Protein backbone atom coordinates (compact mmCIF):
# COMPACT_ATOMS: atom_id res chain seq x y z
CA UNK A 1 -24.90 -71.34 -38.77
CA UNK A 2 -28.30 -70.98 -39.78
CA UNK A 3 -29.94 -68.32 -41.81
CA UNK A 4 -32.01 -66.98 -38.70
CA UNK A 5 -28.84 -66.96 -36.67
CA UNK A 6 -27.12 -65.09 -39.33
CA UNK A 7 -29.74 -62.58 -39.29
CA UNK A 8 -29.97 -62.32 -35.70
CA UNK A 9 -26.05 -61.68 -35.50
CA UNK A 10 -26.15 -58.94 -38.23
CA UNK A 11 -29.14 -57.35 -36.76
CA UNK A 12 -27.31 -57.24 -33.35
CA UNK A 13 -24.28 -55.91 -34.88
CA UNK A 14 -26.14 -53.08 -36.62
CA UNK A 15 -27.84 -52.01 -33.10
CA UNK A 16 -24.71 -52.23 -31.44
CA UNK A 17 -23.44 -48.88 -32.00
CA UNK A 18 -26.98 -47.48 -31.14
CA UNK A 19 -27.03 -49.82 -27.92
CA UNK A 20 -24.14 -47.80 -26.83
CA UNK A 21 -25.67 -44.62 -26.63
CA UNK A 22 -29.10 -45.64 -26.01
CA UNK A 23 -29.57 -43.80 -22.62
CA UNK A 24 -27.07 -40.95 -23.52
CA UNK A 25 -29.52 -38.44 -25.20
CA UNK A 26 -33.17 -37.34 -24.99
CA UNK A 27 -33.30 -37.05 -28.78
CA UNK A 28 -34.98 -39.41 -31.09
CA UNK A 29 -32.43 -41.22 -33.33
CA UNK A 30 -33.34 -42.21 -36.93
CA UNK A 31 -32.34 -44.99 -38.66
CA UNK A 32 -32.77 -45.50 -42.57
CA UNK A 33 -33.60 -49.00 -43.63
CA UNK A 34 -33.26 -49.73 -47.55
CA UNK A 35 -34.18 -52.99 -48.77
CA UNK A 36 -34.05 -54.47 -52.31
CA UNK A 37 -37.14 -56.65 -51.23
CA UNK A 38 -40.75 -56.02 -51.95
CA UNK A 39 -42.81 -54.65 -49.10
CA UNK A 40 -45.28 -57.73 -49.55
CA UNK A 41 -42.69 -60.25 -49.53
CA UNK A 42 -42.11 -62.24 -46.21
CA UNK A 43 -38.53 -62.41 -46.37
CA UNK A 44 -37.55 -58.72 -46.15
CA UNK A 45 -40.46 -58.23 -43.47
CA UNK A 46 -38.94 -60.85 -41.70
CA UNK A 47 -35.39 -58.98 -41.82
CA UNK A 48 -37.06 -55.95 -40.77
CA UNK A 49 -39.22 -57.56 -37.69
CA UNK A 50 -35.66 -59.38 -36.80
CA UNK A 51 -34.01 -55.89 -36.62
CA UNK A 52 -36.76 -54.08 -34.72
CA UNK A 53 -36.82 -57.46 -32.08
CA UNK A 54 -33.02 -57.04 -31.77
CA UNK A 55 -33.51 -53.23 -30.99
CA UNK A 56 -36.17 -53.81 -28.71
CA UNK A 57 -33.99 -56.23 -26.75
CA UNK A 58 -31.24 -53.65 -26.45
CA UNK A 59 -33.68 -51.22 -24.99
CA UNK A 60 -34.77 -48.92 -28.08
CA UNK A 61 -38.28 -48.51 -28.38
CA UNK A 62 -39.52 -47.73 -31.62
CA UNK A 63 -41.59 -44.49 -31.67
CA UNK A 64 -39.89 -43.69 -28.15
CA UNK A 65 -35.98 -43.71 -28.89
CA UNK A 66 -35.88 -44.31 -32.55
CA UNK A 67 -37.65 -43.76 -35.67
CA UNK A 68 -37.23 -46.04 -38.30
CA UNK A 69 -37.69 -44.78 -41.78
CA UNK A 70 -38.03 -47.92 -44.50
CA UNK A 71 -37.86 -47.98 -48.44
CA UNK A 72 -38.34 -51.04 -50.30
CA UNK A 73 -36.90 -51.22 -53.70
CA UNK A 74 -39.51 -53.96 -54.99
CA UNK A 75 -36.67 -55.88 -56.80
CA UNK A 76 -36.06 -52.81 -59.20
CA UNK A 77 -32.35 -52.16 -58.55
CA UNK A 78 -33.27 -48.82 -60.76
CA UNK A 79 -35.10 -47.44 -57.86
CA UNK A 80 -32.53 -47.89 -55.10
CA UNK A 81 -30.42 -44.67 -56.11
CA UNK A 82 -33.56 -42.48 -55.46
CA UNK A 83 -34.43 -44.01 -52.36
CA UNK A 84 -31.14 -44.01 -51.06
CA UNK A 85 -31.00 -40.27 -51.50
CA UNK A 86 -34.44 -39.92 -50.34
CA UNK A 87 -33.13 -41.51 -47.06
CA UNK A 88 -29.91 -39.52 -46.93
CA UNK A 89 -32.03 -36.58 -47.06
CA UNK A 90 -33.66 -37.55 -43.70
CA UNK A 91 -30.34 -37.36 -42.13
CA UNK A 92 -30.48 -40.59 -40.24
CA UNK A 93 -27.78 -41.45 -37.40
CA UNK A 94 -27.41 -44.90 -39.10
CA UNK A 95 -28.23 -46.17 -42.80
CA UNK A 96 -28.80 -50.07 -42.82
CA UNK A 97 -29.02 -51.68 -46.33
CA UNK A 98 -30.63 -55.29 -46.49
CA UNK A 99 -30.19 -57.43 -49.76
CA UNK A 100 -30.65 -60.78 -50.91
CA UNK A 101 -27.52 -62.47 -52.20
CA UNK A 102 -28.06 -64.81 -54.96
CA UNK A 103 -25.03 -67.00 -56.14
CA UNK A 104 -25.35 -69.17 -59.26
CA UNK A 105 -23.14 -71.68 -60.16
CA UNK A 106 -22.30 -72.87 -63.61
CA UNK A 107 -21.00 -76.09 -64.21
C-alpha cells in the first residue's frame, strides 16, 4: 500500500462517523485538526488537503456543513499540549491528530 493510499484510507475512516450523520442535522459540525507539522511544509498541507477532499467526496462541504479548525505544531512538540487545549475549548465534534512517524533502525 502506498503512502497516498494509506492517507486516503485514514482520512476516509476519520470522515466515516461524520458521513453517517451528514444529513441528520442543520447545525454546522466542527472538526479540530492538530498536526505536528509546519504550516509551510507541503506534507502536512497535503494531509489536510486529502482530508478535506475526502470530506467533500462524502458530501461534507467546508463552510456549509463543517468547520475545520487547524493548528500546526511547527515541529515543536512542546506546543502540542497548548494547541490541543485550545482546540478542545472550541468543543469540536471530532478531533483529528496527524503526525509524522519516524522509525530509526540501529545496526
